Amino acid sequence: MHIRPLRDRIIVKRVEAQRTTASGIVIPDTAAEKPEQGEVIAVGPGRLDDKGKRITPEVKVGDRILFGKYSGQTVKVEGEELLVMREEDVMAVLAEDTGAMKKAA
């Protein structure tokens, strides 16, 4: 099944939480918190402004994002748990290359 978000909504797949601490202590599934990072797997076309002009979303498919703990609505699609949220719920796009972050500043 293909899922297509509308307007400024995005579909996010949570990134699995690390199950051990830095010192090697294993954290059981019942004690682990849900991560607040995810990968964008679908993006809507964007919202409309007051004049009817489409505002293009800033996130794109494949971006790794940071979002609030209680952001979005959880849905299951073909047994996979996904989040549907508005783009405004995204706090940041995570970059792996620190050189790219320095260039943007």
N, C-alpha and C. Protein backbone atom coordinates (compact mmCIF):
# COMPACT_ATOMS: atom_id res chain seq x y z
N MET A 1 0.84 -1.18 0.00
CA MET A 1 0.00 0.00 0.00
C MET A 1 0.89 1.24 0.00
N HIS A 2 0.51 2.24 -0.75
CA HIS A 2 1.23 3.50 -0.81
C HIS A 2 0.45 4.53 0.00
N ILE A 3 1.14 5.31 0.82
CA ILE A 3 0.50 6.34 1.61
C ILE A 3 0.98 7.70 1.12
N ARG A 4 0.03 8.59 0.85
CA ARG A 4 0.36 9.92 0.31
C ARG A 4 -0.21 10.98 1.25
N PRO A 5 0.65 11.72 1.96
CA PRO A 5 0.16 12.75 2.87
C PRO A 5 -0.41 13.95 2.12
N LEU A 6 -1.34 14.63 2.75
CA LEU A 6 -1.96 15.81 2.16
C LEU A 6 -1.39 17.08 2.78
N ARG A 7 -1.49 18.17 2.05
CA ARG A 7 -1.06 19.50 2.47
C ARG A 7 0.34 19.50 3.08
N ASP A 8 0.47 19.99 4.32
CA ASP A 8 1.81 20.12 4.93
C ASP A 8 2.13 18.96 5.87
N ARG A 9 1.49 17.83 5.66
CA ARG A 9 1.75 16.68 6.52
C ARG A 9 2.90 15.85 5.95
N ILE A 10 3.58 15.17 6.87
CA ILE A 10 4.67 14.28 6.47
C ILE A 10 4.48 12.93 7.16
N ILE A 11 5.04 11.88 6.56
CA ILE A 11 5.01 10.54 7.14
C ILE A 11 6.43 10.24 7.60
N VAL A 12 6.54 9.81 8.86
CA VAL A 12 7.86 9.59 9.48
C VAL A 12 7.94 8.19 10.05
N LYS A 13 9.08 7.55 9.82
CA LYS A 13 9.37 6.25 10.44
C LYS A 13 10.35 6.52 11.56
N ARG A 14 9.96 6.14 12.78
CA ARG A 14 10.85 6.35 13.93
C ARG A 14 12.17 5.60 13.74
N VAL A 15 13.24 6.19 14.24
CA VAL A 15 14.55 5.55 14.24
C VAL A 15 14.64 4.75 15.53
N GLU A 16 15.09 3.51 15.43
CA GLU A 16 15.19 2.64 16.60
C GLU A 16 16.10 3.23 17.66
N ALA A 17 15.68 3.14 18.90
CA ALA A 17 16.46 3.64 20.02
C ALA A 17 17.63 2.70 20.31
N GLN A 18 18.71 3.28 20.78
CA GLN A 18 19.86 2.47 21.18
C GLN A 18 19.48 1.71 22.44
N ARG A 19 19.74 0.42 22.46
CA ARG A 19 19.30 -0.44 23.57
C ARG A 19 20.34 -0.61 24.67
N THR A 20 21.52 0.00 24.54
CA THR A 20 22.53 -0.08 25.59
C THR A 20 23.04 1.31 25.91
N THR A 21 23.50 1.50 27.14
CA THR A 21 24.08 2.77 27.53
C THR A 21 25.54 2.80 27.10
N ALA A 22 26.19 3.94 27.28
CA ALA A 22 27.60 4.08 26.91
C ALA A 22 28.48 3.12 27.71
N SER A 23 28.06 2.81 28.93
CA SER A 23 28.85 1.90 29.76
C SER A 23 28.52 0.43 29.50
N GLY A 24 27.60 0.15 28.55
CA GLY A 24 27.29 -1.22 28.18
C GLY A 24 26.10 -1.83 28.89
N ILE A 25 25.35 -1.05 29.67
CA ILE A 25 24.17 -1.57 30.35
C ILE A 25 23.03 -1.70 29.34
N VAL A 26 22.42 -2.87 29.27
CA VAL A 26 21.32 -3.12 28.34
C VAL A 26 20.03 -2.57 28.94
N ILE A 27 19.30 -1.82 28.14
CA ILE A 27 18.02 -1.24 28.58
C ILE A 27 16.90 -2.13 28.06
N PRO A 28 16.02 -2.65 28.93
CA PRO A 28 14.92 -3.49 28.46
C PRO A 28 13.90 -2.67 27.67
N ASP A 29 13.16 -3.34 26.77
CA ASP A 29 12.16 -2.66 25.94
C ASP A 29 11.14 -1.91 26.77
N THR A 30 10.77 -2.43 27.93
CA THR A 30 9.75 -1.78 28.76
C THR A 30 10.23 -0.47 29.35
N ALA A 31 11.54 -0.31 29.53
CA ALA A 31 12.09 0.91 30.12
C ALA A 31 12.54 1.93 29.08
N ALA A 32 12.68 1.49 27.84
CA ALA A 32 13.19 2.38 26.80
C ALA A 32 12.10 3.36 26.36
N GLU A 33 12.49 4.62 26.22
CA GLU A 33 11.56 5.62 25.72
C GLU A 33 11.57 5.59 24.20
N LYS A 34 10.45 6.02 23.60
CA LYS A 34 10.40 6.09 22.15
C LYS A 34 11.33 7.22 21.69
N PRO A 35 12.07 6.99 20.64
CA PRO A 35 13.01 8.03 20.18
C PRO A 35 12.26 9.23 19.62
N GLU A 36 12.94 10.33 19.60
CA GLU A 36 12.38 11.56 19.07
C GLU A 36 13.04 11.92 17.75
N GLN A 37 13.55 10.92 17.07
CA GLN A 37 14.15 11.10 15.76
C GLN A 37 13.46 10.16 14.79
N GLY A 38 13.46 10.53 13.53
CA GLY A 38 12.86 9.67 12.54
C GLY A 38 13.34 10.03 11.15
N GLU A 39 12.95 9.17 10.22
CA GLU A 39 13.28 9.40 8.82
C GLU A 39 12.00 9.71 8.06
N VAL A 40 12.02 10.77 7.27
CA VAL A 40 10.87 11.17 6.48
C VAL A 40 10.73 10.20 5.31
N ILE A 41 9.56 9.56 5.20
CA ILE A 41 9.35 8.62 4.09
C ILE A 41 8.36 9.13 3.05
N ALA A 42 7.59 10.20 3.39
CA ALA A 42 6.68 10.81 2.42
C ALA A 42 6.39 12.24 2.86
N VAL A 43 6.22 13.14 1.88
CA VAL A 43 5.96 14.55 2.15
C VAL A 43 4.79 15.00 1.29
N GLY A 44 3.87 15.74 1.91
CA GLY A 44 2.74 16.31 1.17
C GLY A 44 3.21 17.45 0.27
N PRO A 45 2.32 17.96 -0.58
CA PRO A 45 2.70 19.03 -1.51
C PRO A 45 2.92 20.39 -0.87
N GLY A 46 2.50 20.58 0.38
CA GLY A 46 2.66 21.85 1.07
C GLY A 46 1.31 22.50 1.32
N ARG A 47 1.29 23.43 2.25
CA ARG A 47 0.04 24.11 2.58
C ARG A 47 -0.17 25.31 1.66
N LEU A 48 -1.37 25.85 1.69
CA LEU A 48 -1.70 27.03 0.91
C LEU A 48 -1.69 28.25 1.81
N ASP A 49 -1.13 29.37 1.32
CA ASP A 49 -1.17 30.59 2.10
C ASP A 49 -2.52 31.29 1.90
N ASP A 50 -2.68 32.47 2.45
CA ASP A 50 -3.95 33.20 2.38
C ASP A 50 -4.36 33.56 0.95
N LYS A 51 -3.39 33.65 0.06
CA LYS A 51 -3.68 34.02 -1.33
C LYS A 51 -3.81 32.80 -2.24
N GLY A 52 -3.73 31.60 -1.65
CA GLY A 52 -3.88 30.37 -2.43
C GLY A 52 -2.59 29.87 -3.06
N LYS A 53 -1.47 30.48 -2.70
CA LYS A 53 -0.18 30.05 -3.25
C LYS A 53 0.36 28.91 -2.39
N ARG A 54 0.88 27.87 -3.05
CA ARG A 54 1.42 26.70 -2.35
C ARG A 54 2.77 27.02 -1.75
N ILE A 55 2.94 26.70 -0.46
CA ILE A 55 4.22 26.88 0.24
C ILE A 55 4.91 25.52 0.27
N THR A 56 6.03 25.42 -0.41
CA THR A 56 6.77 24.17 -0.53
C THR A 56 7.36 23.76 0.81
N PRO A 57 7.21 22.49 1.21
CA PRO A 57 7.79 22.03 2.47
C PRO A 57 9.32 22.12 2.47
N GLU A 58 9.89 22.35 3.66
CA GLU A 58 11.34 22.43 3.79
C GLU A 58 11.99 21.06 3.94
N VAL A 59 11.23 20.07 4.41
CA VAL A 59 11.78 18.72 4.56
C VAL A 59 11.54 17.93 3.28
N LYS A 60 12.36 16.90 3.08
CA LYS A 60 12.20 16.06 1.89
C LYS A 60 12.34 14.60 2.31
N VAL A 61 11.92 13.71 1.44
CA VAL A 61 12.03 12.28 1.70
C VAL A 61 13.49 11.92 1.94
N GLY A 62 13.73 11.14 2.98
CA GLY A 62 15.09 10.73 3.32
C GLY A 62 15.73 11.56 4.42
N ASP A 63 15.17 12.75 4.72
CA ASP A 63 15.72 13.57 5.80
C ASP A 63 15.56 12.87 7.13
N ARG A 64 16.55 13.01 7.98
CA ARG A 64 16.45 12.52 9.36
C ARG A 64 16.10 13.73 10.21
N ILE A 65 15.00 13.64 10.95
CA ILE A 65 14.47 14.80 11.64
C ILE A 65 14.40 14.59 13.15
N LEU A 66 14.28 15.69 13.86
CA LEU A 66 14.09 15.71 15.30
C LEU A 66 12.71 16.30 15.54
N PHE A 67 11.90 15.64 16.38
CA PHE A 67 10.54 16.12 16.64
C PHE A 67 10.19 15.93 18.10
N GLY A 68 9.13 16.59 18.55
CA GLY A 68 8.70 16.52 19.94
C GLY A 68 8.22 15.13 20.32
N LYS A 69 8.33 14.83 21.60
CA LYS A 69 8.00 13.51 22.12
C LYS A 69 6.57 13.09 21.80
N TYR A 70 5.64 14.03 21.84
CA TYR A 70 4.23 13.71 21.61
C TYR A 70 3.71 14.22 20.27
N SER A 71 4.60 14.47 19.33
CA SER A 71 4.21 14.97 18.02
C SER A 71 3.59 13.88 17.17
N GLY A 72 2.65 14.27 16.36
CA GLY A 72 2.09 13.38 15.36
C GLY A 72 1.09 12.37 15.86
N GLN A 73 0.52 11.66 14.92
CA GLN A 73 -0.46 10.61 15.17
C GLN A 73 0.13 9.29 14.68
N THR A 74 0.14 8.28 15.54
CA THR A 74 0.69 6.98 15.18
C THR A 74 -0.34 6.19 14.37
N VAL A 75 0.10 5.64 13.24
CA VAL A 75 -0.74 4.78 12.41
C VAL A 75 0.04 3.52 12.05
N LYS A 76 -0.67 2.44 11.78
CA LYS A 76 -0.01 1.22 11.32
C LYS A 76 -0.40 0.99 9.86
N VAL A 77 0.61 0.82 9.03
CA VAL A 77 0.41 0.55 7.61
C VAL A 77 1.16 -0.73 7.29
N GLU A 78 0.43 -1.75 6.92
CA GLU A 78 1.01 -3.06 6.61
C GLU A 78 1.92 -3.56 7.74
N GLY A 79 1.47 -3.39 8.98
CA GLY A 79 2.20 -3.87 10.14
C GLY A 79 3.34 -2.98 10.59
N GLU A 80 3.60 -1.89 9.89
CA GLU A 80 4.68 -0.99 10.23
C GLU A 80 4.11 0.25 10.92
N GLU A 81 4.69 0.63 12.06
CA GLU A 81 4.23 1.79 12.81
C GLU A 81 4.87 3.06 12.25
N LEU A 82 4.01 4.00 11.83
CA LEU A 82 4.47 5.26 11.24
C LEU A 82 3.83 6.42 11.99
N LEU A 83 4.40 7.60 11.83
CA LEU A 83 3.84 8.82 12.40
C LEU A 83 3.39 9.73 11.27
N VAL A 84 2.21 10.32 11.42
CA VAL A 84 1.74 11.35 10.51
C VAL A 84 1.76 12.65 11.31
N MET A 85 2.50 13.63 10.83
CA MET A 85 2.59 14.90 11.56
C MET A 85 2.65 16.06 10.59
N ARG A 86 2.41 17.24 11.12
CA ARG A 86 2.54 18.45 10.32
C ARG A 86 4.02 18.85 10.27
N GLU A 87 4.38 19.51 9.20
CA GLU A 87 5.77 19.94 9.06
C GLU A 87 6.17 20.88 10.20
N GLU A 88 5.24 21.65 10.70
CA GLU A 88 5.56 22.59 11.79
C GLU A 88 5.96 21.89 13.09
N ASP A 89 5.66 20.58 13.22
CA ASP A 89 6.06 19.81 14.39
C ASP A 89 7.53 19.39 14.34
N VAL A 90 8.16 19.56 13.19
CA VAL A 90 9.58 19.21 13.04
C VAL A 90 10.41 20.34 13.64
N MET A 91 11.31 19.96 14.55
CA MET A 91 12.16 20.96 15.21
C MET A 91 13.46 21.20 14.45
N ALA A 92 13.99 20.14 13.80
CA ALA A 92 15.27 20.28 13.10
C ALA A 92 15.46 19.13 12.13
N VAL A 93 16.28 19.37 11.13
CA VAL A 93 16.74 18.32 10.22
C VAL A 93 18.17 18.02 10.64
N LEU A 94 18.44 16.75 10.91
CA LEU A 94 19.77 16.34 11.36
C LEU A 94 20.69 16.12 10.17
N ALA A 95 21.89 16.66 10.26
CA ALA A 95 22.88 16.49 9.19
C ALA A 95 24.02 15.64 9.72
N GLU A 96 24.44 14.65 8.93
CA GLU A 96 25.55 13.79 9.33
C GLU A 96 26.90 14.44 9.08
N ASP A 97 26.98 15.28 8.07
CA ASP A 97 28.24 15.91 7.70
C ASP A 97 28.37 17.23 8.43
N THR A 98 29.30 17.35 9.37
CA THR A 98 29.48 18.59 10.11
C THR A 98 30.02 19.71 9.23
N GLY A 99 30.71 19.37 8.17
CA GLY A 99 31.21 20.38 7.23
C GLY A 99 30.06 21.09 6.54
N ALA A 100 28.98 20.37 6.24
CA ALA A 100 27.82 20.98 5.60
C ALA A 100 27.14 21.95 6.54
N MET A 101 27.15 21.65 7.85
CA MET A 101 26.53 22.53 8.81
C MET A 101 27.32 23.83 8.94
N LYS A 102 28.67 23.76 8.85
CA LYS A 102 29.49 24.96 8.94
C LYS A 102 29.26 25.84 7.73
N LYS A 103 29.08 25.24 6.55
CA LYS A 103 28.84 26.01 5.33
C LYS A 103 27.52 26.74 5.40
N ALA A 104 26.49 26.11 6.03
CA ALA A 104 25.17 26.71 6.11
C ALA A 104 25.14 27.90 7.07
N ALA A 105 26.05 27.94 8.02
CA ALA A 105 26.05 29.01 9.03
C ALA A 105 26.67 30.27 8.53
